[in-house]
Amino acid sequence: MSPVEVIGRDVARGAYRVRVDTGGRAVTAFVPECLMESLRPGQRPSHQEAYEWIAAHRGKLEKAVIALAGARKPRPPCDLVTLAEES
């Protein structure tokens, strides 16, 4: 199983919701579509393109989410990833 699980798109945020297991705890974060700009300059990526982009960059995204969960700042450009508020 991939360390980064895509759990949907948040239309209002223009981002994909992902979940990463970090130390037995599931952490949810938002990956903004602007990180995928190279797929379709000036346009939104298709779901298929976004899922493939996330899979291709899952290592960097996983590190970014783990850093955020540990109150550290991820390296650019993944510093645009944000944690979802827990309820």
PDB file of N, CA and C in Angstrom:
ATOM      1  N   MET A   1       0.840  -1.185   0.000  1.00  0.00           N
ATOM      2  CA  MET A   1       0.000   0.000   0.000  1.00  0.00           C
ATOM      3  C   MET A   1       0.879   1.239   0.000  1.00  0.00           C
ATOM      4  N   SER A   2       0.452   2.239  -0.712  1.00  0.00           N
ATOM      5  CA  SER A   2       1.174   3.504  -0.782  1.00  0.00           C
ATOM      6  C   SER A   2       1.135   4.201   0.572  1.00  0.00           C
ATOM      7  N   PRO A   3       2.219   4.891   0.941  1.00  0.00           N
ATOM      8  CA  PRO A   3       2.206   5.623   2.208  1.00  0.00           C
ATOM      9  C   PRO A   3       1.284   6.837   2.169  1.00  0.00           C
ATOM     10  N   VAL A   4       0.851   7.249   0.975  1.00  0.00           N
ATOM     11  CA  VAL A   4      -0.051   8.385   0.813  1.00  0.00           C
ATOM     12  C   VAL A   4      -1.327   7.882   0.154  1.00  0.00           C
ATOM     13  N   GLU A   5      -2.437   8.035   0.862  1.00  0.00           N
ATOM     14  CA  GLU A   5      -3.731   7.588   0.348  1.00  0.00           C
ATOM     15  C   GLU A   5      -4.548   8.813  -0.056  1.00  0.00           C
ATOM     16  N   VAL A   6      -5.004   8.856  -1.286  1.00  0.00           N
ATOM     17  CA  VAL A   6      -5.860   9.954  -1.740  1.00  0.00           C
ATOM     18  C   VAL A   6      -7.280   9.645  -1.289  1.00  0.00           C
ATOM     19  N   ILE A   7      -7.899  10.611  -0.619  1.00  0.00           N
ATOM     20  CA  ILE A   7      -9.251  10.365  -0.121  1.00  0.00           C
ATOM     21  C   ILE A   7     -10.273  11.336  -0.706  1.00  0.00           C
ATOM     22  N   GLY A   8      -9.882  12.035  -1.757  1.00  0.00           N
ATOM     23  CA  GLY A   8     -10.853  12.868  -2.458  1.00  0.00           C
ATOM     24  C   GLY A   8     -10.344  14.255  -2.768  1.00  0.00           C
ATOM     25  N   ARG A   9     -11.205  15.005  -3.426  1.00  0.00           N
ATOM     26  CA  ARG A   9     -10.879  16.368  -3.828  1.00  0.00           C
ATOM     27  C   ARG A   9     -11.759  17.329  -3.057  1.00  0.00           C
ATOM     28  N   ASP A  10     -11.178  18.405  -2.584  1.00  0.00           N
ATOM     29  CA  ASP A  10     -11.921  19.461  -1.921  1.00  0.00           C
ATOM     30  C   ASP A  10     -12.060  20.592  -2.932  1.00  0.00           C
ATOM     31  N   VAL A  11     -13.238  20.721  -3.506  1.00  0.00           N
ATOM     32  CA  VAL A  11     -13.490  21.689  -4.572  1.00  0.00           C
ATOM     33  C   VAL A  11     -13.238  23.114  -4.073  1.00  0.00           C
ATOM     34  N   ALA A  12     -13.727  23.440  -2.890  1.00  0.00           N
ATOM     35  CA  ALA A  12     -13.599  24.792  -2.354  1.00  0.00           C
ATOM     36  C   ALA A  12     -12.141  25.197  -2.157  1.00  0.00           C
ATOM     37  N   ARG A  13     -11.305  24.255  -1.774  1.00  0.00           N
ATOM     38  CA  ARG A  13      -9.886  24.543  -1.541  1.00  0.00           C
ATOM     39  C   ARG A  13      -9.039  24.402  -2.802  1.00  0.00           C
ATOM     40  N   GLY A  14      -9.582  23.758  -3.813  1.00  0.00           N
ATOM     41  CA  GLY A  14      -8.780  23.490  -5.002  1.00  0.00           C
ATOM     42  C   GLY A  14      -7.614  22.590  -4.661  1.00  0.00           C
ATOM     43  N   ALA A  15      -7.909  21.554  -3.874  1.00  0.00           N
ATOM     44  CA  ALA A  15      -6.856  20.669  -3.378  1.00  0.00           C
ATOM     45  C   ALA A  15      -7.364  19.234  -3.263  1.00  0.00           C
ATOM     46  N   TYR A  16      -6.416  18.321  -3.234  1.00  0.00           N
ATOM     47  CA  TYR A  16      -6.742  16.917  -3.000  1.00  0.00           C
ATOM     48  C   TYR A  16      -6.444  16.587  -1.553  1.00  0.00           C
ATOM     49  N   ARG A  17      -7.362  15.853  -0.944  1.00  0.00           N
ATOM     50  CA  ARG A  17      -7.224  15.418   0.442  1.00  0.00           C
ATOM     51  C   ARG A  17      -6.456  14.104   0.433  1.00  0.00           C
ATOM     52  N   VAL A  18      -5.406  14.045   1.230  1.00  0.00           N
ATOM     53  CA  VAL A  18      -4.617  12.817   1.333  1.00  0.00           C
ATOM     54  C   VAL A  18      -4.477  12.437   2.803  1.00  0.00           C
ATOM     55  N   ARG A  19      -4.200  11.170   3.019  1.00  0.00           N
ATOM     56  CA  ARG A  19      -3.993  10.668   4.382  1.00  0.00           C
ATOM     57  C   ARG A  19      -2.667   9.932   4.420  1.00  0.00           C
ATOM     58  N   VAL A  20      -1.912  10.195   5.475  1.00  0.00           N
ATOM     59  CA  VAL A  20      -0.616   9.560   5.682  1.00  0.00           C
ATOM     60  C   VAL A  20      -0.614   8.957   7.081  1.00  0.00           C
ATOM     61  N   ASP A  21      -0.145   7.717   7.191  1.00  0.00           N
ATOM     62  CA  ASP A  21      -0.019   7.078   8.500  1.00  0.00           C
ATOM     63  C   ASP A  21       1.349   7.442   9.054  1.00  0.00           C
ATOM     64  N   THR A  22       1.364   8.145  10.159  1.00  0.00           N
ATOM     65  CA  THR A  22       2.610   8.544  10.788  1.00  0.00           C
ATOM     66  C   THR A  22       2.615   8.073  12.241  1.00  0.00           C
ATOM     67  N   GLY A  23       3.403   7.090  12.505  1.00  0.00           N
ATOM     68  CA  GLY A  23       3.503   6.560  13.857  1.00  0.00           C
ATOM     69  C   GLY A  23       2.200   5.995  14.381  1.00  0.00           C
ATOM     70  N   GLY A  24       1.447   5.311  13.530  1.00  0.00           N
ATOM     71  CA  GLY A  24       0.191   4.708  13.954  1.00  0.00           C
ATOM     72  C   GLY A  24      -0.976   5.683  13.988  1.00  0.00           C
ATOM     73  N   ARG A  25      -0.742   6.916  13.582  1.00  0.00           N
ATOM     74  CA  ARG A  25      -1.793   7.938  13.575  1.00  0.00           C
ATOM     75  C   ARG A  25      -2.032   8.379  12.141  1.00  0.00           C
ATOM     76  N   ALA A  26      -3.275   8.410  11.730  1.00  0.00           N
ATOM     77  CA  ALA A  26      -3.619   8.866  10.383  1.00  0.00           C
ATOM     78  C   ALA A  26      -3.713  10.385  10.389  1.00  0.00           C
ATOM     79  N   VAL A  27      -2.935  11.024   9.516  1.00  0.00           N
ATOM     80  CA  VAL A  27      -2.921  12.482   9.411  1.00  0.00           C
ATOM     81  C   VAL A  27      -3.456  12.852   8.032  1.00  0.00           C
ATOM     82  N   THR A  28      -4.428  13.753   7.997  1.00  0.00           N
ATOM     83  CA  THR A  28      -5.024  14.194   6.749  1.00  0.00           C
ATOM     84  C   THR A  28      -4.489  15.573   6.383  1.00  0.00           C
ATOM     85  N   ALA A  29      -4.202  15.743   5.092  1.00  0.00           N
ATOM     86  CA  ALA A  29      -3.666  17.012   4.617  1.00  0.00           C
ATOM     87  C   ALA A  29      -4.251  17.343   3.252  1.00  0.00           C
ATOM     88  N   PHE A  30      -4.071  18.599   2.851  1.00  0.00           N
ATOM     89  CA  PHE A  30      -4.526  19.062   1.549  1.00  0.00           C
ATOM     90  C   PHE A  30      -3.331  19.338   0.654  1.00  0.00           C
ATOM     91  N   VAL A  31      -3.362  18.765  -0.544  1.00  0.00           N
ATOM     92  CA  VAL A  31      -2.325  18.997  -1.558  1.00  0.00           C
ATOM     93  C   VAL A  31      -2.954  19.909  -2.610  1.00  0.00           C
ATOM     94  N   PRO A  32      -2.517  21.170  -2.666  1.00  0.00           N
ATOM     95  CA  PRO A  32      -3.148  22.098  -3.607  1.00  0.00           C
ATOM     96  C   PRO A  32      -2.857  21.742  -5.064  1.00  0.00           C
ATOM     97  N   GLU A  33      -3.870  21.965  -5.886  1.00  0.00           N
ATOM     98  CA  GLU A  33      -3.731  21.673  -7.312  1.00  0.00           C
ATOM     99  C   GLU A  33      -2.656  22.528  -7.971  1.00  0.00           C
ATOM    100  N   CYS A  34      -2.321  23.688  -7.394  1.00  0.00           N
ATOM    101  CA  CYS A  34      -1.296  24.542  -7.999  1.00  0.00           C
ATOM    102  C   CYS A  34       0.061  23.842  -8.047  1.00  0.00           C
ATOM    103  N   LEU A  35       0.279  22.852  -7.189  1.00  0.00           N
ATOM    104  CA  LEU A  35       1.526  22.075  -7.248  1.00  0.00           C
ATOM    105  C   LEU A  35       1.580  21.233  -8.521  1.00  0.00           C
ATOM    106  N   MET A  36       0.416  20.981  -9.102  1.00  0.00           N
ATOM    107  CA  MET A  36       0.311  20.149 -10.305  1.00  0.00           C
ATOM    108  C   MET A  36       0.215  21.002 -11.566  1.00  0.00           C
ATOM    109  N   GLU A  37       0.547  22.260 -11.470  1.00  0.00           N
ATOM    110  CA  GLU A  37       0.399  23.234 -12.559  1.00  0.00           C
ATOM    111  C   GLU A  37       1.040  22.769 -13.856  1.00  0.00           C
ATOM    112  N   SER A  38       2.126  22.048 -13.776  1.00  0.00           N
ATOM    113  CA  SER A  38       2.835  21.616 -14.996  1.00  0.00           C
ATOM    114  C   SER A  38       2.016  20.624 -15.826  1.00  0.00           C
ATOM    115  N   LEU A  39       0.996  20.004 -15.230  1.00  0.00           N
ATOM    116  CA  LEU A  39       0.182  19.033 -15.960  1.00  0.00           C
ATOM    117  C   LEU A  39      -0.675  19.705 -17.020  1.00  0.00           C
ATOM    118  N   ARG A  40      -1.290  20.818 -16.654  1.00  0.00           N
ATOM    119  CA  ARG A  40      -2.167  21.573 -17.556  1.00  0.00           C
ATOM    120  C   ARG A  40      -2.038  23.050 -17.198  1.00  0.00           C
ATOM    121  N   PRO A  41      -1.044  23.724 -17.699  1.00  0.00           N
ATOM    122  CA  PRO A  41      -0.847  25.130 -17.333  1.00  0.00           C
ATOM    123  C   PRO A  41      -2.124  25.950 -17.506  1.00  0.00           C
ATOM    124  N   GLY A  42      -2.488  26.645 -16.420  1.00  0.00           N
ATOM    125  CA  GLY A  42      -3.679  27.492 -16.444  1.00  0.00           C
ATOM    126  C   GLY A  42      -4.990  26.759 -16.255  1.00  0.00           C
ATOM    127  N   GLN A  43      -4.948  25.444 -16.085  1.00  0.00           N
ATOM    128  CA  GLN A  43      -6.173  24.650 -15.920  1.00  0.00           C
ATOM    129  C   GLN A  43      -6.017  23.685 -14.756  1.00  0.00           C
ATOM    130  N   ARG A  44      -7.153  23.182 -14.326  1.00  0.00           N
ATOM    131  CA  ARG A  44      -7.176  22.143 -13.301  1.00  0.00           C
ATOM    132  C   ARG A  44      -6.776  20.807 -13.914  1.00  0.00           C
ATOM    133  N   PRO A  45      -6.008  19.986 -13.191  1.00  0.00           N
ATOM    134  CA  PRO A  45      -5.707  18.652 -13.717  1.00  0.00           C
ATOM    135  C   PRO A  45      -6.944  17.760 -13.630  1.00  0.00           C
ATOM    136  N   SER A  46      -7.008  16.755 -14.489  1.00  0.00           N
ATOM    137  CA  SER A  46      -8.088  15.773 -14.378  1.00  0.00           C
ATOM    138  C   SER A  46      -7.830  14.939 -13.118  1.00  0.00           C
ATOM    139  N   HIS A  47      -8.863  14.234 -12.660  1.00  0.00           N
ATOM    140  CA  HIS A  47      -8.677  13.373 -11.485  1.00  0.00           C
ATOM    141  C   HIS A  47      -7.568  12.353 -11.739  1.00  0.00           C
ATOM    142  N   GLN A  48      -7.581  11.749 -12.911  1.00  0.00           N
ATOM    143  CA  GLN A  48      -6.564  10.748 -13.245  1.00  0.00           C
ATOM    144  C   GLN A  48      -5.171  11.358 -13.187  1.00  0.00           C
ATOM    145  N   GLU A  49      -5.002  12.535 -13.779  1.00  0.00           N
ATOM    146  CA  GLU A  49      -3.695  13.200 -13.763  1.00  0.00           C
ATOM    147  C   GLU A  49      -3.269  13.539 -12.337  1.00  0.00           C
ATOM    148  N   ALA A  50      -4.206  14.016 -11.538  1.00  0.00           N
ATOM    149  CA  ALA A  50      -3.890  14.373 -10.151  1.00  0.00           C
ATOM    150  C   ALA A  50      -3.480  13.140  -9.349  1.00  0.00           C
ATOM    151  N   TYR A  51      -4.210  12.046  -9.498  1.00  0.00           N
ATOM    152  CA  TYR A  51      -3.872  10.824  -8.774  1.00  0.00           C
ATOM    153  C   TYR A  51      -2.493  10.308  -9.197  1.00  0.00           C
ATOM    154  N   GLU A  52      -2.207  10.384 -10.485  1.00  0.00           N
ATOM    155  CA  GLU A  52      -0.898   9.942 -10.974  1.00  0.00           C
ATOM    156  C   GLU A  52       0.210  10.863 -10.470  1.00  0.00           C
ATOM    157  N   TRP A  53      -0.048  12.169 -10.428  1.00  0.00           N
ATOM    158  CA  TRP A  53       0.942  13.125  -9.938  1.00  0.00           C
ATOM    159  C   TRP A  53       1.222  12.861  -8.462  1.00  0.00           C
ATOM    160  N   ILE A  54       0.164  12.659  -7.683  1.00  0.00           N
ATOM    161  CA  ILE A  54       0.329  12.380  -6.247  1.00  0.00           C
ATOM    162  C   ILE A  54       1.124  11.091  -6.053  1.00  0.00           C
ATOM    163  N   ALA A  55       0.819  10.062  -6.843  1.00  0.00           N
ATOM    164  CA  ALA A  55       1.559   8.798  -6.737  1.00  0.00           C
ATOM    165  C   ALA A  55       3.037   8.996  -7.078  1.00  0.00           C
ATOM    166  N   ALA A  56       3.309   9.779  -8.101  1.00  0.00           N
ATOM    167  CA  ALA A  56       4.697  10.016  -8.514  1.00  0.00           C
ATOM    168  C   ALA A  56       5.473  10.842  -7.489  1.00  0.00           C
ATOM    169  N   HIS A  57       4.771  11.642  -6.685  1.00  0.00           N
ATOM    170  CA  HIS A  57       5.421  12.513  -5.704  1.00  0.00           C
ATOM    171  C   HIS A  57       5.115  12.099  -4.264  1.00  0.00           C
ATOM    172  N   ARG A  58       4.666  10.863  -4.092  1.00  0.00           N
ATOM    173  CA  ARG A  58       4.222  10.438  -2.768  1.00  0.00           C
ATOM    174  C   ARG A  58       5.300  10.502  -1.695  1.00  0.00           C
ATOM    175  N   GLY A  59       6.547  10.269  -2.057  1.00  0.00           N
ATOM    176  CA  GLY A  59       7.624  10.338  -1.064  1.00  0.00           C
ATOM    177  C   GLY A  59       7.766  11.740  -0.493  1.00  0.00           C
ATOM    178  N   LYS A  60       7.796  12.738  -1.370  1.00  0.00           N
ATOM    179  CA  LYS A  60       7.909  14.126  -0.920  1.00  0.00           C
ATOM    180  C   LYS A  60       6.668  14.560  -0.157  1.00  0.00           C
ATOM    181  N   LEU A  61       5.502  14.122  -0.620  1.00  0.00           N
ATOM    182  CA  LEU A  61       4.261  14.485   0.068  1.00  0.00           C
ATOM    183  C   LEU A  61       4.194  13.844   1.448  1.00  0.00           C
ATOM    184  N   GLU A  62       4.618  12.604   1.539  1.00  0.00           N
ATOM    185  CA  GLU A  62       4.633  11.927   2.844  1.00  0.00           C
ATOM    186  C   GLU A  62       5.546  12.674   3.815  1.00  0.00           C
ATOM    187  N   LYS A  63       6.739  13.043   3.363  1.00  0.00           N
ATOM    188  CA  LYS A  63       7.672  13.796   4.217  1.00  0.00           C
ATOM    189  C   LYS A  63       7.070  15.121   4.641  1.00  0.00           C
ATOM    190  N   ALA A  64       6.371  15.789   3.728  1.00  0.00           N
ATOM    191  CA  ALA A  64       5.759  17.077   4.050  1.00  0.00           C
ATOM    192  C   ALA A  64       4.683  16.924   5.126  1.00  0.00           C
ATOM    193  N   VAL A  65       3.838  15.925   4.986  1.00  0.00           N
ATOM    194  CA  VAL A  65       2.760  15.718   5.966  1.00  0.00           C
ATOM    195  C   VAL A  65       3.352  15.336   7.325  1.00  0.00           C
ATOM    196  N   ILE A  66       4.368  14.497   7.326  1.00  0.00           N
ATOM    197  CA  ILE A  66       5.009  14.112   8.590  1.00  0.00           C
ATOM    198  C   ILE A  66       5.648  15.328   9.242  1.00  0.00           C
ATOM    199  N   ALA A  67       6.295  16.179   8.458  1.00  0.00           N
ATOM    200  CA  ALA A  67       6.894  17.401   8.998  1.00  0.00           C
ATOM    201  C   ALA A  67       5.820  18.295   9.612  1.00  0.00           C
ATOM    202  N   LEU A  68       4.731  18.500   8.889  1.00  0.00           N
ATOM    203  CA  LEU A  68       3.646  19.336   9.398  1.00  0.00           C
ATOM    204  C   LEU A  68       3.054  18.765  10.683  1.00  0.00           C
ATOM    205  N   ALA A  69       2.891  17.450  10.726  1.00  0.00           N
ATOM    206  CA  ALA A  69       2.347  16.804  11.926  1.00  0.00           C
ATOM    207  C   ALA A  69       3.285  16.981  13.114  1.00  0.00           C
ATOM    208  N   GLY A  70       4.571  17.148  12.833  1.00  0.00           N
ATOM    209  CA  GLY A  70       5.566  17.373  13.884  1.00  0.00           C
ATOM    210  C   GLY A  70       5.863  18.848  14.106  1.00  0.00           C
ATOM    211  N   ALA A  71       4.987  19.725  13.597  1.00  0.00           N
ATOM    212  CA  ALA A  71       5.117  21.178  13.749  1.00  0.00           C
ATOM    213  C   ALA A  71       6.390  21.726  13.106  1.00  0.00           C
ATOM    214  N   ARG A  72       6.832  21.081  12.019  1.00  0.00           N
ATOM    215  CA  ARG A  72       7.986  21.570  11.256  1.00  0.00           C
ATOM    216  C   ARG A  72       7.505  22.019   9.889  1.00  0.00           C
ATOM    217  N   LYS A  73       8.289  22.863   9.245  1.00  0.00           N
ATOM    218  CA  LYS A  73       7.923  23.367   7.919  1.00  0.00           C
ATOM    219  C   LYS A  73       8.527  22.467   6.849  1.00  0.00           C
ATOM    220  N   PRO A  74       7.704  21.985   5.909  1.00  0.00           N
ATOM    221  CA  PRO A  74       8.220  21.157   4.811  1.00  0.00           C
ATOM    222  C   PRO A  74       9.062  21.995   3.844  1.00  0.00           C
ATOM    223  N   ARG A  75       9.855  21.296   3.042  1.00  0.00           N
ATOM    224  CA  ARG A  75      10.672  21.958   2.034  1.00  0.00           C
ATOM    225  C   ARG A  75       9.795  22.377   0.856  1.00  0.00           C
ATOM    226  N   PRO A  76      10.125  23.513   0.234  1.00  0.00           N
ATOM    227  CA  PRO A  76       9.385  23.936  -0.963  1.00  0.00           C
ATOM    228  C   PRO A  76       9.531  22.914  -2.076  1.00  0.00           C
ATOM    229  N   PRO A  77       8.589  22.735  -2.912  1.00  0.00           N
ATOM    230  CA  PRO A  77       7.305  23.422  -2.971  1.00  0.00           C
ATOM    231  C   PRO A  77       6.246  22.788  -2.079  1.00  0.00           C
ATOM    232  N   CYS A  78       6.606  21.738  -1.375  1.00  0.00           N
ATOM    233  CA  CYS A  78       5.622  21.038  -0.540  1.00  0.00           C
ATOM    234  C   CYS A  78       5.236  21.841   0.698  1.00  0.00           C
ATOM    235  N   ASP A  79       5.827  23.013   0.872  1.00  0.00           N
ATOM    236  CA  ASP A  79       5.425  23.872   1.983  1.00  0.00           C
ATOM    237  C   ASP A  79       4.026  24.446   1.759  1.00  0.00           C
ATOM    238  N   LEU A  80       3.463  24.210   0.568  1.00  0.00           N
ATOM    239  CA  LEU A  80       2.093  24.630   0.278  1.00  0.00           C
ATOM    240  C   LEU A  80       1.056  23.620   0.779  1.00  0.00           C
ATOM    241  N   VAL A  81       1.518  22.420   1.136  1.00  0.00           N
ATOM    242  CA  VAL A  81       0.626  21.400   1.697  1.00  0.00           C
ATOM    243  C   VAL A  81       0.210  21.863   3.088  1.00  0.00           C
ATOM    244  N   THR A  82      -1.060  21.665   3.436  1.00  0.00           N
ATOM    245  CA  THR A  82      -1.555  22.074   4.759  1.00  0.00           C
ATOM    246  C   THR A  82      -2.270  20.910   5.420  1.00  0.00           C
ATOM    247  N   LEU A  83      -2.250  20.895   6.730  1.00  0.00           N
ATOM    248  CA  LEU A  83      -2.962  19.868   7.471  1.00  0.00           C
ATOM    249  C   LEU A  83      -4.446  20.205   7.532  1.00  0.00           C
ATOM    250  N   ALA A  84      -5.263  19.179   7.505  1.00  0.00           N
ATOM    251  CA  ALA A  84      -6.705  19.344   7.698  1.00  0.00           C
ATOM    252  C   ALA A  84      -6.940  19.507   9.185  1.00  0.00           C
ATOM    253  N   GLU A  85      -7.885  20.343   9.527  1.00  0.00           N
ATOM    254  CA  GLU A  85      -8.205  20.505  10.938  1.00  0.00           C
ATOM    255  C   GLU A  85      -8.897  19.259  11.424  1.00  0.00           C
ATOM    256  N   GLU A  86      -8.472  18.809  12.564  1.00  0.00           N
ATOM    257  CA  GLU A  86      -9.085  17.602  13.142  1.00  0.00           C
ATOM    258  C   GLU A  86     -10.302  18.001  13.948  1.00  0.00           C
ATOM    259  N   SER A  87     -11.336  17.170  13.840  1.00  0.00           N
ATOM    260  CA  SER A  87     -12.553  17.473  14.605  1.00  0.00           C
ATOM    261  C   SER A  87     -12.774  16.460  15.693  1.00  0.00           C
TER     262      SER A  87
END
